[in-house]
């Protein structure tokens, strides 16, 4: 589930929602909702809620919760693509090709 959360952060960052890494997961979801609407923010909140125990504790990962987190991520991705213009999607794609620091 940590992977789903990191992937959500990457997707939002590539869509030009910067400065997310130091934010609490609930704040990231709120920022996504504010910038892109609840169609993006709600599934990001779902990923955040499901991933928080895996990211911030040593609790065992429930496979059903992990599947749900990934489904939420796919929902957020699809909604984000609908929100971005063709030019913004191109820029996001180029950003995704940059080496990570």
C-alpha atoms as a PDB file:
ATOM      1  CA  UNK A   1       0.000   0.000   0.000  1.00  0.00           C
ATOM      2  CA  UNK A   2       2.944   2.272   0.484  1.00  0.00           C
ATOM      3  CA  UNK A   3       3.470   1.943  -3.258  1.00  0.00           C
ATOM      4  CA  UNK A   4      -0.063   3.166  -3.966  1.00  0.00           C
ATOM      5  CA  UNK A   5       0.525   6.205  -1.763  1.00  0.00           C
ATOM      6  CA  UNK A   6       3.873   7.035  -3.366  1.00  0.00           C
ATOM      7  CA  UNK A   7       2.321   6.597  -6.788  1.00  0.00           C
ATOM      8  CA  UNK A   8      -0.503   8.977  -5.831  1.00  0.00           C
ATOM      9  CA  UNK A   9       2.066  11.565  -4.742  1.00  0.00           C
ATOM     10  CA  UNK A  10       3.927  11.112  -8.041  1.00  0.00           C
ATOM     11  CA  UNK A  11       0.756  11.494 -10.121  1.00  0.00           C
ATOM     12  CA  UNK A  12      -0.242  14.685  -8.319  1.00  0.00           C
ATOM     13  CA  UNK A  13       3.260  16.108  -8.496  1.00  0.00           C
ATOM     14  CA  UNK A  14       3.458  15.385 -12.231  1.00  0.00           C
ATOM     15  CA  UNK A  15       0.124  17.216 -12.601  1.00  0.00           C
ATOM     16  CA  UNK A  16       1.863  20.244 -11.044  1.00  0.00           C
ATOM     17  CA  UNK A  17       0.575  19.977  -7.487  1.00  0.00           C
ATOM     18  CA  UNK A  18       3.928  20.531  -5.797  1.00  0.00           C
ATOM     19  CA  UNK A  19       5.178  20.396  -2.232  1.00  0.00           C
ATOM     20  CA  UNK A  20       3.213  17.335  -1.180  1.00  0.00           C
ATOM     21  CA  UNK A  21       5.944  15.217   0.410  1.00  0.00           C
ATOM     22  CA  UNK A  22       6.045  16.983   3.796  1.00  0.00           C
ATOM     23  CA  UNK A  23       2.236  17.166   4.025  1.00  0.00           C
ATOM     24  CA  UNK A  24       0.046  14.834   6.056  1.00  0.00           C
ATOM     25  CA  UNK A  25      -1.928  12.421   3.868  1.00  0.00           C
ATOM     26  CA  UNK A  26      -5.226  14.111   4.736  1.00  0.00           C
ATOM     27  CA  UNK A  27      -3.730  17.471   3.712  1.00  0.00           C
ATOM     28  CA  UNK A  28      -2.580  15.995   0.394  1.00  0.00           C
ATOM     29  CA  UNK A  29      -6.116  14.756  -0.266  1.00  0.00           C
ATOM     30  CA  UNK A  30      -7.534  18.165   0.631  1.00  0.00           C
ATOM     31  CA  UNK A  31      -5.054  19.906  -1.680  1.00  0.00           C
ATOM     32  CA  UNK A  32      -5.922  17.506  -4.515  1.00  0.00           C
ATOM     33  CA  UNK A  33      -9.612  18.147  -3.964  1.00  0.00           C
ATOM     34  CA  UNK A  34      -9.117  21.909  -3.867  1.00  0.00           C
ATOM     35  CA  UNK A  35      -7.018  21.956  -7.045  1.00  0.00           C
ATOM     36  CA  UNK A  36      -8.722  19.249  -9.123  1.00  0.00           C
ATOM     37  CA  UNK A  37     -12.107  18.756  -7.462  1.00  0.00           C
ATOM     38  CA  UNK A  38     -13.643  15.981  -5.388  1.00  0.00           C
ATOM     39  CA  UNK A  39     -13.448  13.558  -8.326  1.00  0.00           C
ATOM     40  CA  UNK A  40      -9.692  13.452  -7.688  1.00  0.00           C
ATOM     41  CA  UNK A  41      -9.602  14.354  -4.001  1.00  0.00           C
ATOM     42  CA  UNK A  42     -12.004  11.671  -2.766  1.00  0.00           C
ATOM     43  CA  UNK A  43     -10.114   8.688  -4.208  1.00  0.00           C
ATOM     44  CA  UNK A  44      -6.808  10.234  -3.078  1.00  0.00           C
ATOM     45  CA  UNK A  45      -8.329  10.445   0.406  1.00  0.00           C
ATOM     46  CA  UNK A  46      -9.214   6.761   0.077  1.00  0.00           C
ATOM     47  CA  UNK A  47      -5.618   5.888  -0.805  1.00  0.00           C
ATOM     48  CA  UNK A  48      -4.409   8.047   2.093  1.00  0.00           C
ATOM     49  CA  UNK A  49      -6.735   6.413   4.611  1.00  0.00           C
ATOM     50  CA  UNK A  50      -5.903   2.889   3.517  1.00  0.00           C
ATOM     51  CA  UNK A  51      -2.156   3.488   3.135  1.00  0.00           C
ATOM     52  CA  UNK A  52      -1.452   5.439   6.308  1.00  0.00           C
ATOM     53  CA  UNK A  53      -1.083   2.363   8.554  1.00  0.00           C
ATOM     54  CA  UNK A  54       1.292   0.720   6.067  1.00  0.00           C
ATOM     55  CA  UNK A  55       3.359   3.881   5.596  1.00  0.00           C
ATOM     56  CA  UNK A  56       3.542   5.076   9.199  1.00  0.00           C
ATOM     57  CA  UNK A  57       3.412   1.888  11.279  1.00  0.00           C
ATOM     58  CA  UNK A  58       4.512  -1.701  11.214  1.00  0.00           C
ATOM     59  CA  UNK A  59       0.944  -3.001  11.062  1.00  0.00           C
ATOM     60  CA  UNK A  60       0.483  -5.949   8.703  1.00  0.00           C
ATOM     61  CA  UNK A  61      -1.041  -5.122   5.336  1.00  0.00           C
ATOM     62  CA  UNK A  62      -4.493  -6.522   4.668  1.00  0.00           C
ATOM     63  CA  UNK A  63      -4.609  -7.747   1.035  1.00  0.00           C
ATOM     64  CA  UNK A  64      -8.188  -6.538   0.548  1.00  0.00           C
ATOM     65  CA  UNK A  65      -7.262  -3.065   1.783  1.00  0.00           C
ATOM     66  CA  UNK A  66      -4.246  -3.046  -0.505  1.00  0.00           C
ATOM     67  CA  UNK A  67      -6.449  -3.914  -3.480  1.00  0.00           C
ATOM     68  CA  UNK A  68      -8.870  -1.155  -2.535  1.00  0.00           C
ATOM     69  CA  UNK A  69      -6.026   1.371  -2.239  1.00  0.00           C
ATOM     70  CA  UNK A  70      -4.845   0.508  -5.760  1.00  0.00           C
ATOM     71  CA  UNK A  71      -8.415   0.760  -7.095  1.00  0.00           C
ATOM     72  CA  UNK A  72      -8.715   4.194  -5.511  1.00  0.00           C
ATOM     73  CA  UNK A  73      -5.452   5.189  -7.146  1.00  0.00           C
ATOM     74  CA  UNK A  74      -6.733   4.112 -10.564  1.00  0.00           C
ATOM     75  CA  UNK A  75      -9.939   6.096  -9.980  1.00  0.00           C
ATOM     76  CA  UNK A  76      -7.887   9.170  -9.026  1.00  0.00           C
ATOM     77  CA  UNK A  77      -5.659   8.745 -12.103  1.00  0.00           C
ATOM     78  CA  UNK A  78      -8.620   8.519 -14.450  1.00  0.00           C
ATOM     79  CA  UNK A  79     -10.278  11.568 -12.882  1.00  0.00           C
ATOM     80  CA  UNK A  80      -7.018  13.508 -13.023  1.00  0.00           C
ATOM     81  CA  UNK A  81      -6.612  12.716 -16.721  1.00  0.00           C
ATOM     82  CA  UNK A  82     -10.131  14.027 -17.359  1.00  0.00           C
ATOM     83  CA  UNK A  83      -9.345  17.236 -15.458  1.00  0.00           C
ATOM     84  CA  UNK A  84      -6.117  17.997 -17.324  1.00  0.00           C
ATOM     85  CA  UNK A  85      -6.021  19.562 -20.761  1.00  0.00           C
ATOM     86  CA  UNK A  86      -4.107  17.729 -23.517  1.00  0.00           C
ATOM     87  CA  UNK A  87      -1.183  20.121 -22.996  1.00  0.00           C
ATOM     88  CA  UNK A  88      -1.206  19.520 -19.224  1.00  0.00           C
ATOM     89  CA  UNK A  89      -1.272  15.747 -19.790  1.00  0.00           C
ATOM     90  CA  UNK A  90       1.727  16.073 -22.108  1.00  0.00           C
ATOM     91  CA  UNK A  91       3.623  18.132 -19.531  1.00  0.00           C
ATOM     92  CA  UNK A  92       2.740  15.576 -16.824  1.00  0.00           C
ATOM     93  CA  UNK A  93       4.027  12.769 -19.048  1.00  0.00           C
ATOM     94  CA  UNK A  94       7.309  14.605 -19.623  1.00  0.00           C
ATOM     95  CA  UNK A  95       7.624  15.223 -15.887  1.00  0.00           C
ATOM     96  CA  UNK A  96       7.126  11.516 -15.240  1.00  0.00           C
ATOM     97  CA  UNK A  97      10.190  10.779 -17.373  1.00  0.00           C
ATOM     98  CA  UNK A  98      12.519  12.945 -15.296  1.00  0.00           C
ATOM     99  CA  UNK A  99      14.881  11.160 -12.926  1.00  0.00           C
ATOM    100  CA  UNK A 100      13.666  11.183  -9.320  1.00  0.00           C
ATOM    101  CA  UNK A 101      15.808  12.788  -6.646  1.00  0.00           C
END
